[in-house]
């Protein structure tokens, strides 16, 4: 297994295939393992880069996640790209990973070619989600399917990873309240925002939630596009895997 050092800790990464680099960024409580069943849809034309953020998957654990979690994870990505001397990398970020990808592009646009930001909540935390995060996470830890997911993503210490993430989400909303340090008006790379109209995280908030949020963000950015699948859950890139791969590859090439 391959690692690079960030803040005196080991971060796991894996490179698969050849061609222009394409980095996949995982969401909260997940790891790069979430992409293993779909990665072969991309390796025919891309060199896929997988990474486990600190405290996740095969990377070293941390005592506590920072409140500014998605910005800190973006700093991890930037450090990795600079160490490996990658330039103009394509990125696909899923859920929380989409927030990371946008942060990377805002902070180091010279390192990024294009961004696909999939199934994310927008510029600020979704209050309907954060208000119930503790209760929802405790229920998820008792759900057999979710327990299996957490264990597959993180290993035997999955519960501490989930609790760490829950605390970071609470602290972020309380003390920070926005996902991006940079201004969207300064966003340089081309961007495609994707999601599902049936995404269980957003459909109960508003049937047109993603269309509305993405539209406002794209207006600020001044370029880019969105594509929303009629069906599928969270995230769209997995629940619409084949169609999403075709869409993303066409956009990225």
C-alpha atoms as a PDB file:
ATOM      1  CA  UNK A   1       0.000   0.000   0.000  1.00  0.00           C
ATOM      2  CA  UNK A   2       1.156   3.528  -0.807  1.00  0.00           C
ATOM      3  CA  UNK A   3       1.151   6.447   1.617  1.00  0.00           C
ATOM      4  CA  UNK A   4       2.255  10.054   1.748  1.00  0.00           C
ATOM      5  CA  UNK A   5       2.920  12.084   4.872  1.00  0.00           C
ATOM      6  CA  UNK A   6       0.727  14.987   5.915  1.00  0.00           C
ATOM      7  CA  UNK A   7       1.041  16.662   9.314  1.00  0.00           C
ATOM      8  CA  UNK A   8       3.304  13.774  10.432  1.00  0.00           C
ATOM      9  CA  UNK A   9       0.614  11.200   9.636  1.00  0.00           C
ATOM     10  CA  UNK A  10       0.234   8.677   6.819  1.00  0.00           C
ATOM     11  CA  UNK A  11      -2.458   9.163   4.193  1.00  0.00           C
ATOM     12  CA  UNK A  12      -3.304   6.194   2.003  1.00  0.00           C
ATOM     13  CA  UNK A  13      -3.596   6.547  -1.761  1.00  0.00           C
ATOM     14  CA  UNK A  14      -3.858   4.270  -4.769  1.00  0.00           C
ATOM     15  CA  UNK A  15      -3.288   4.914  -8.477  1.00  0.00           C
ATOM     16  CA  UNK A  16      -5.019   2.744 -11.081  1.00  0.00           C
ATOM     17  CA  UNK A  17      -4.725   2.821 -14.864  1.00  0.00           C
ATOM     18  CA  UNK A  18      -3.022   5.204 -17.259  1.00  0.00           C
ATOM     19  CA  UNK A  19      -3.847   8.474 -18.952  1.00  0.00           C
ATOM     20  CA  UNK A  20      -4.791  11.909 -17.649  1.00  0.00           C
ATOM     21  CA  UNK A  21      -5.104  11.870 -13.845  1.00  0.00           C
ATOM     22  CA  UNK A  22      -8.605  11.745 -12.379  1.00  0.00           C
ATOM     23  CA  UNK A  23      -8.915  12.008  -8.600  1.00  0.00           C
ATOM     24  CA  UNK A  24     -11.925  10.613  -6.728  1.00  0.00           C
ATOM     25  CA  UNK A  25     -12.778  12.259  -3.389  1.00  0.00           C
ATOM     26  CA  UNK A  26     -14.980  10.371  -0.943  1.00  0.00           C
ATOM     27  CA  UNK A  27     -17.720  11.722   1.306  1.00  0.00           C
ATOM     28  CA  UNK A  28     -18.260  11.801   5.060  1.00  0.00           C
ATOM     29  CA  UNK A  29     -18.082   8.489   6.972  1.00  0.00           C
ATOM     30  CA  UNK A  30     -16.846   6.849   3.754  1.00  0.00           C
ATOM     31  CA  UNK A  31     -13.438   6.083   2.270  1.00  0.00           C
ATOM     32  CA  UNK A  32     -11.985   5.406  -1.161  1.00  0.00           C
ATOM     33  CA  UNK A  33     -13.545   1.958  -0.830  1.00  0.00           C
ATOM     34  CA  UNK A  34     -16.843   3.467  -1.979  1.00  0.00           C
ATOM     35  CA  UNK A  35     -15.399   3.796  -5.489  1.00  0.00           C
ATOM     36  CA  UNK A  36     -13.920   0.323  -5.937  1.00  0.00           C
ATOM     37  CA  UNK A  37     -16.949  -1.138  -7.730  1.00  0.00           C
ATOM     38  CA  UNK A  38     -17.115   1.687 -10.287  1.00  0.00           C
ATOM     39  CA  UNK A  39     -13.469   2.589 -10.857  1.00  0.00           C
ATOM     40  CA  UNK A  40     -13.136   0.285 -13.873  1.00  0.00           C
ATOM     41  CA  UNK A  41     -15.638   2.495 -15.717  1.00  0.00           C
ATOM     42  CA  UNK A  42     -12.970   5.204 -15.795  1.00  0.00           C
ATOM     43  CA  UNK A  43      -9.587   3.490 -16.035  1.00  0.00           C
ATOM     44  CA  UNK A  44      -9.912   2.898 -19.774  1.00  0.00           C
ATOM     45  CA  UNK A  45      -8.995   6.538 -20.422  1.00  0.00           C
ATOM     46  CA  UNK A  46      -7.908   7.942 -17.035  1.00  0.00           C
ATOM     47  CA  UNK A  47      -5.309   7.288 -14.383  1.00  0.00           C
ATOM     48  CA  UNK A  48      -7.600   7.131 -11.372  1.00  0.00           C
ATOM     49  CA  UNK A  49      -6.266   8.363  -8.039  1.00  0.00           C
ATOM     50  CA  UNK A  50      -7.990   7.231  -4.845  1.00  0.00           C
ATOM     51  CA  UNK A  51      -7.283   8.709  -1.431  1.00  0.00           C
ATOM     52  CA  UNK A  52      -8.461   8.142   2.140  1.00  0.00           C
ATOM     53  CA  UNK A  53      -8.637  11.404   4.050  1.00  0.00           C
ATOM     54  CA  UNK A  54      -6.947  11.479   7.443  1.00  0.00           C
ATOM     55  CA  UNK A  55      -8.922   9.507   9.996  1.00  0.00           C
ATOM     56  CA  UNK A  56     -10.651   7.406   7.319  1.00  0.00           C
ATOM     57  CA  UNK A  57     -10.151   4.031   5.650  1.00  0.00           C
ATOM     58  CA  UNK A  58      -6.517   2.951   5.556  1.00  0.00           C
ATOM     59  CA  UNK A  59      -5.108   6.341   6.606  1.00  0.00           C
ATOM     60  CA  UNK A  60      -3.811   7.123  10.087  1.00  0.00           C
ATOM     61  CA  UNK A  61      -6.372   8.007  12.709  1.00  0.00           C
ATOM     62  CA  UNK A  62      -6.642  11.377  14.432  1.00  0.00           C
ATOM     63  CA  UNK A  63      -7.964  12.116  17.902  1.00  0.00           C
ATOM     64  CA  UNK A  64     -10.529  14.572  16.560  1.00  0.00           C
ATOM     65  CA  UNK A  65     -11.538  15.853  13.121  1.00  0.00           C
ATOM     66  CA  UNK A  66     -11.126  19.621  12.683  1.00  0.00           C
ATOM     67  CA  UNK A  67     -14.337  21.654  12.617  1.00  0.00           C
ATOM     68  CA  UNK A  68     -13.297  23.036   9.228  1.00  0.00           C
ATOM     69  CA  UNK A  69     -13.208  19.460   7.970  1.00  0.00           C
ATOM     70  CA  UNK A  70     -13.783  19.932   4.232  1.00  0.00           C
ATOM     71  CA  UNK A  71     -11.204  22.703   3.989  1.00  0.00           C
ATOM     72  CA  UNK A  72      -8.642  20.648   5.915  1.00  0.00           C
ATOM     73  CA  UNK A  73      -9.254  17.702   3.588  1.00  0.00           C
ATOM     74  CA  UNK A  74      -8.715  20.045   0.639  1.00  0.00           C
ATOM     75  CA  UNK A  75      -5.337  20.963   2.138  1.00  0.00           C
ATOM     76  CA  UNK A  76      -4.516  17.251   2.249  1.00  0.00           C
ATOM     77  CA  UNK A  77      -5.352  16.910  -1.439  1.00  0.00           C
ATOM     78  CA  UNK A  78      -3.278  19.966  -2.380  1.00  0.00           C
ATOM     79  CA  UNK A  79      -0.304  18.638  -0.394  1.00  0.00           C
ATOM     80  CA  UNK A  80      -0.613  15.277  -2.157  1.00  0.00           C
ATOM     81  CA  UNK A  81      -0.817  16.795  -5.647  1.00  0.00           C
ATOM     82  CA  UNK A  82       2.226  18.990  -5.004  1.00  0.00           C
ATOM     83  CA  UNK A  83       4.260  16.145  -3.561  1.00  0.00           C
ATOM     84  CA  UNK A  84       3.434  13.881  -6.509  1.00  0.00           C
ATOM     85  CA  UNK A  85       3.977  16.798  -8.922  1.00  0.00           C
ATOM     86  CA  UNK A  86       0.550  16.439 -10.493  1.00  0.00           C
ATOM     87  CA  UNK A  87      -0.812  19.340 -12.504  1.00  0.00           C
ATOM     88  CA  UNK A  88      -4.214  19.996 -14.051  1.00  0.00           C
ATOM     89  CA  UNK A  89      -5.901  17.020 -12.427  1.00  0.00           C
ATOM     90  CA  UNK A  90      -9.570  16.240 -13.053  1.00  0.00           C
ATOM     91  CA  UNK A  91     -11.619  15.671  -9.907  1.00  0.00           C
ATOM     92  CA  UNK A  92     -14.851  13.928  -9.061  1.00  0.00           C
ATOM     93  CA  UNK A  93     -16.043  14.619  -5.533  1.00  0.00           C
ATOM     94  CA  UNK A  94     -18.989  12.817  -3.979  1.00  0.00           C
ATOM     95  CA  UNK A  95     -21.140  14.439  -1.268  1.00  0.00           C
ATOM     96  CA  UNK A  96     -18.606  15.830   1.238  1.00  0.00           C
ATOM     97  CA  UNK A  97     -15.922  15.051  -1.320  1.00  0.00           C
ATOM     98  CA  UNK A  98     -17.587  17.550  -3.672  1.00  0.00           C
ATOM     99  CA  UNK A  99     -17.058  20.249  -1.041  1.00  0.00           C
ATOM    100  CA  UNK A 100     -13.413  19.218  -0.873  1.00  0.00           C
ATOM    101  CA  UNK A 101     -13.014  19.361  -4.668  1.00  0.00           C
ATOM    102  CA  UNK A 102     -14.489  22.863  -4.836  1.00  0.00           C
ATOM    103  CA  UNK A 103     -12.194  24.006  -2.025  1.00  0.00           C
ATOM    104  CA  UNK A 104      -9.170  22.570  -3.841  1.00  0.00           C
ATOM    105  CA  UNK A 105     -10.117  24.421  -7.022  1.00  0.00           C
ATOM    106  CA  UNK A 106     -10.617  27.688  -5.122  1.00  0.00           C
ATOM    107  CA  UNK A 107      -7.329  27.441  -3.217  1.00  0.00           C
ATOM    108  CA  UNK A 108      -5.087  25.966  -5.931  1.00  0.00           C
ATOM    109  CA  UNK A 109      -6.729  26.414  -9.362  1.00  0.00           C
ATOM    110  CA  UNK A 110      -3.406  25.755 -11.095  1.00  0.00           C
ATOM    111  CA  UNK A 111      -3.609  22.125  -9.950  1.00  0.00           C
ATOM    112  CA  UNK A 112      -7.124  21.466 -11.250  1.00  0.00           C
ATOM    113  CA  UNK A 113      -8.405  20.899 -14.783  1.00  0.00           C
ATOM    114  CA  UNK A 114     -12.131  20.191 -14.354  1.00  0.00           C
ATOM    115  CA  UNK A 115     -14.415  19.373 -11.424  1.00  0.00           C
ATOM    116  CA  UNK A 116     -17.471  17.148 -11.164  1.00  0.00           C
ATOM    117  CA  UNK A 117     -19.224  17.995  -7.891  1.00  0.00           C
ATOM    118  CA  UNK A 118     -21.839  15.371  -7.111  1.00  0.00           C
ATOM    119  CA  UNK A 119     -24.695  15.239  -4.598  1.00  0.00           C
ATOM    120  CA  UNK A 120     -23.684  17.997  -2.179  1.00  0.00           C
ATOM    121  CA  UNK A 121     -25.718  20.453  -0.131  1.00  0.00           C
ATOM    122  CA  UNK A 122     -24.416  23.789  -1.389  1.00  0.00           C
ATOM    123  CA  UNK A 123     -22.400  26.619   0.153  1.00  0.00           C
ATOM    124  CA  UNK A 124     -23.642  26.284   3.732  1.00  0.00           C
ATOM    125  CA  UNK A 125     -24.762  23.388   5.940  1.00  0.00           C
ATOM    126  CA  UNK A 126     -28.296  22.147   5.457  1.00  0.00           C
ATOM    127  CA  UNK A 127     -30.008  22.929   8.776  1.00  0.00           C
ATOM    128  CA  UNK A 128     -32.544  20.123   8.388  1.00  0.00           C
ATOM    129  CA  UNK A 129     -29.608  17.690   8.290  1.00  0.00           C
ATOM    130  CA  UNK A 130     -27.419  19.118  11.043  1.00  0.00           C
ATOM    131  CA  UNK A 131     -30.345  19.617  13.447  1.00  0.00           C
ATOM    132  CA  UNK A 132     -30.958  15.870  13.528  1.00  0.00           C
ATOM    133  CA  UNK A 133     -27.414  14.625  12.962  1.00  0.00           C
ATOM    134  CA  UNK A 134     -26.887  13.109  16.424  1.00  0.00           C
ATOM    135  CA  UNK A 135     -30.198  11.238  16.439  1.00  0.00           C
ATOM    136  CA  UNK A 136     -29.828  10.117  12.834  1.00  0.00           C
ATOM    137  CA  UNK A 137     -26.286   8.874  13.342  1.00  0.00           C
ATOM    138  CA  UNK A 138     -27.210   6.922  16.460  1.00  0.00           C
ATOM    139  CA  UNK A 139     -30.033   5.274  14.558  1.00  0.00           C
ATOM    140  CA  UNK A 140     -27.716   4.512  11.644  1.00  0.00           C
ATOM    141  CA  UNK A 141     -25.275   2.754  13.968  1.00  0.00           C
ATOM    142  CA  UNK A 142     -28.089   0.365  14.929  1.00  0.00           C
ATOM    143  CA  UNK A 143     -29.090  -0.291  11.326  1.00  0.00           C
ATOM    144  CA  UNK A 144     -27.568  -3.492   9.949  1.00  0.00           C
ATOM    145  CA  UNK A 145     -26.939  -2.182   6.440  1.00  0.00           C
ATOM    146  CA  UNK A 146     -25.352   1.029   7.684  1.00  0.00           C
ATOM    147  CA  UNK A 147     -23.181  -0.834  10.205  1.00  0.00           C
ATOM    148  CA  UNK A 148     -21.916  -3.030   7.368  1.00  0.00           C
ATOM    149  CA  UNK A 149     -21.214   0.047   5.245  1.00  0.00           C
ATOM    150  CA  UNK A 150     -19.319   1.789   8.035  1.00  0.00           C
ATOM    151  CA  UNK A 151     -17.281  -1.310   8.807  1.00  0.00           C
ATOM    152  CA  UNK A 152     -16.440  -1.881   5.145  1.00  0.00           C
ATOM    153  CA  UNK A 153     -15.327   1.739   4.761  1.00  0.00           C
ATOM    154  CA  UNK A 154     -13.387   2.122   8.024  1.00  0.00           C
ATOM    155  CA  UNK A 155     -12.624  -1.233   9.603  1.00  0.00           C
ATOM    156  CA  UNK A 156     -13.208  -2.339  13.177  1.00  0.00           C
ATOM    157  CA  UNK A 157     -12.969   1.175  14.646  1.00  0.00           C
ATOM    158  CA  UNK A 158     -15.780   2.444  12.417  1.00  0.00           C
ATOM    159  CA  UNK A 159     -17.866   3.758  15.303  1.00  0.00           C
ATOM    160  CA  UNK A 160     -15.192   6.189  16.476  1.00  0.00           C
ATOM    161  CA  UNK A 161     -14.801   7.470  12.901  1.00  0.00           C
ATOM    162  CA  UNK A 162     -18.550   8.066  12.614  1.00  0.00           C
ATOM    163  CA  UNK A 163     -18.658   9.808  16.000  1.00  0.00           C
ATOM    164  CA  UNK A 164     -15.682  11.964  15.034  1.00  0.00           C
ATOM    165  CA  UNK A 165     -17.470  13.007  11.856  1.00  0.00           C
ATOM    166  CA  UNK A 166     -20.697  13.777  13.711  1.00  0.00           C
ATOM    167  CA  UNK A 167     -18.864  16.036  16.150  1.00  0.00           C
ATOM    168  CA  UNK A 168     -17.058  17.846  13.318  1.00  0.00           C
ATOM    169  CA  UNK A 169     -20.374  18.567  11.556  1.00  0.00           C
ATOM    170  CA  UNK A 170     -21.847  20.000  14.757  1.00  0.00           C
ATOM    171  CA  UNK A 171     -18.779  22.137  15.466  1.00  0.00           C
ATOM    172  CA  UNK A 172     -18.614  23.344  11.867  1.00  0.00           C
ATOM    173  CA  UNK A 173     -22.160  24.673  11.883  1.00  0.00           C
ATOM    174  CA  UNK A 174     -21.683  26.247  15.310  1.00  0.00           C
ATOM    175  CA  UNK A 175     -18.341  27.976  14.696  1.00  0.00           C
ATOM    176  CA  UNK A 176     -17.843  28.266  10.914  1.00  0.00           C
ATOM    177  CA  UNK A 177     -21.088  27.891   9.011  1.00  0.00           C
ATOM    178  CA  UNK A 178     -19.780  27.911   5.444  1.00  0.00           C
ATOM    179  CA  UNK A 179     -17.967  25.299   3.385  1.00  0.00           C
ATOM    180  CA  UNK A 180     -15.671  27.459   1.253  1.00  0.00           C
ATOM    181  CA  UNK A 181     -13.012  29.982   2.220  1.00  0.00           C
ATOM    182  CA  UNK A 182     -12.665  31.400  -1.278  1.00  0.00           C
ATOM    183  CA  UNK A 183     -15.301  33.280  -3.260  1.00  0.00           C
ATOM    184  CA  UNK A 184     -17.203  31.344  -5.894  1.00  0.00           C
ATOM    185  CA  UNK A 185     -16.792  34.328  -8.211  1.00  0.00           C
ATOM    186  CA  UNK A 186     -13.082  33.419  -8.301  1.00  0.00           C
ATOM    187  CA  UNK A 187     -13.673  29.785  -9.281  1.00  0.00           C
ATOM    188  CA  UNK A 188     -11.545  29.068 -12.375  1.00  0.00           C
ATOM    189  CA  UNK A 189     -11.923  25.452 -13.645  1.00  0.00           C
ATOM    190  CA  UNK A 190     -14.905  24.222 -15.591  1.00  0.00           C
ATOM    191  CA  UNK A 191     -17.428  22.530 -13.300  1.00  0.00           C
ATOM    192  CA  UNK A 192     -20.306  20.100 -13.671  1.00  0.00           C
ATOM    193  CA  UNK A 193     -22.701  19.764 -10.729  1.00  0.00           C
ATOM    194  CA  UNK A 194     -24.653  16.527 -10.580  1.00  0.00           C
ATOM    195  CA  UNK A 195     -27.233  14.890  -8.369  1.00  0.00           C
ATOM    196  CA  UNK A 196     -30.452  12.931  -8.224  1.00  0.00           C
ATOM    197  CA  UNK A 197     -33.908  14.478  -8.002  1.00  0.00           C
ATOM    198  CA  UNK A 198     -34.821  11.575  -5.692  1.00  0.00           C
ATOM    199  CA  UNK A 199     -31.826  11.979  -3.364  1.00  0.00           C
ATOM    200  CA  UNK A 200     -33.097  11.034   0.092  1.00  0.00           C
ATOM    201  CA  UNK A 201     -30.940  13.682   1.756  1.00  0.00           C
ATOM    202  CA  UNK A 202     -32.636  16.552  -0.087  1.00  0.00           C
ATOM    203  CA  UNK A 203     -36.007  15.510  -1.497  1.00  0.00           C
ATOM    204  CA  UNK A 204     -37.849  16.000   1.826  1.00  0.00           C
ATOM    205  CA  UNK A 205     -36.397  19.489   2.220  1.00  0.00           C
ATOM    206  CA  UNK A 206     -37.598  20.636  -1.188  1.00  0.00           C
ATOM    207  CA  UNK A 207     -38.328  18.688  -4.401  1.00  0.00           C
ATOM    208  CA  UNK A 208     -36.232  21.198  -6.348  1.00  0.00           C
ATOM    209  CA  UNK A 209     -33.520  21.659  -3.734  1.00  0.00           C
ATOM    210  CA  UNK A 210     -30.480  20.717  -5.804  1.00  0.00           C
ATOM    211  CA  UNK A 211     -31.665  22.539  -8.909  1.00  0.00           C
ATOM    212  CA  UNK A 212     -32.159  25.707  -6.865  1.00  0.00           C
ATOM    213  CA  UNK A 213     -28.888  25.502  -4.909  1.00  0.00           C
ATOM    214  CA  UNK A 214     -26.765  24.518  -7.908  1.00  0.00           C
ATOM    215  CA  UNK A 215     -28.353  27.252 -10.011  1.00  0.00           C
ATOM    216  CA  UNK A 216     -27.446  29.924  -7.470  1.00  0.00           C
ATOM    217  CA  UNK A 217     -23.876  28.653  -7.195  1.00  0.00           C
ATOM    218  CA  UNK A 218     -23.376  28.472 -10.962  1.00  0.00           C
ATOM    219  CA  UNK A 219     -24.674  32.031 -11.293  1.00  0.00           C
ATOM    220  CA  UNK A 220     -21.984  33.179  -8.840  1.00  0.00           C
ATOM    221  CA  UNK A 221     -19.272  31.154 -10.586  1.00  0.00           C
ATOM    222  CA  UNK A 222     -20.304  32.526 -13.957  1.00  0.00           C
ATOM    223  CA  UNK A 223     -19.726  29.283 -15.882  1.00  0.00           C
ATOM    224  CA  UNK A 224     -20.342  25.562 -15.609  1.00  0.00           C
ATOM    225  CA  UNK A 225     -23.427  23.372 -15.849  1.00  0.00           C
ATOM    226  CA  UNK A 226     -25.596  20.929 -13.928  1.00  0.00           C
ATOM    227  CA  UNK A 227     -27.197  17.575 -14.633  1.00  0.00           C
ATOM    228  CA  UNK A 228     -29.830  16.001 -12.380  1.00  0.00           C
ATOM    229  CA  UNK A 229     -30.869  12.370 -12.781  1.00  0.00           C
ATOM    230  CA  UNK A 230     -34.587  11.654 -12.554  1.00  0.00           C
ATOM    231  CA  UNK A 231     -33.991   8.595 -10.400  1.00  0.00           C
ATOM    232  CA  UNK A 232     -31.429   7.235  -7.953  1.00  0.00           C
ATOM    233  CA  UNK A 233     -30.434   8.018  -4.406  1.00  0.00           C
ATOM    234  CA  UNK A 234     -27.384   9.382  -2.635  1.00  0.00           C
ATOM    235  CA  UNK A 235     -24.912   9.812  -4.196  1.00  0.00           C
ATOM    236  CA  UNK A 236     -25.926   9.976  -7.844  1.00  0.00           C
ATOM    237  CA  UNK A 237     -22.515   8.816  -9.055  1.00  0.00           C
ATOM    238  CA  UNK A 238     -23.112   5.399  -7.466  1.00  0.00           C
ATOM    239  CA  UNK A 239     -26.854   4.981  -7.871  1.00  0.00           C
ATOM    240  CA  UNK A 240     -26.641   6.003 -11.539  1.00  0.00           C
ATOM    241  CA  UNK A 241     -23.167   4.542 -12.021  1.00  0.00           C
ATOM    242  CA  UNK A 242     -23.236   3.707 -15.750  1.00  0.00           C
ATOM    243  CA  UNK A 243     -24.982   6.860 -16.954  1.00  0.00           C
ATOM    244  CA  UNK A 244     -22.943   9.004 -14.567  1.00  0.00           C
ATOM    245  CA  UNK A 245     -19.666   7.574 -15.873  1.00  0.00           C
ATOM    246  CA  UNK A 246     -20.674   8.296 -19.476  1.00  0.00           C
ATOM    247  CA  UNK A 247     -21.687  11.840 -18.526  1.00  0.00           C
ATOM    248  CA  UNK A 248     -18.545  12.528 -16.489  1.00  0.00           C
ATOM    249  CA  UNK A 249     -16.157  11.100 -19.079  1.00  0.00           C
ATOM    250  CA  UNK A 250     -17.715  13.158 -21.850  1.00  0.00           C
ATOM    251  CA  UNK A 251     -17.433  16.311 -19.711  1.00  0.00           C
ATOM    252  CA  UNK A 252     -13.876  15.624 -18.544  1.00  0.00           C
ATOM    253  CA  UNK A 253     -12.391  14.777 -21.925  1.00  0.00           C
END
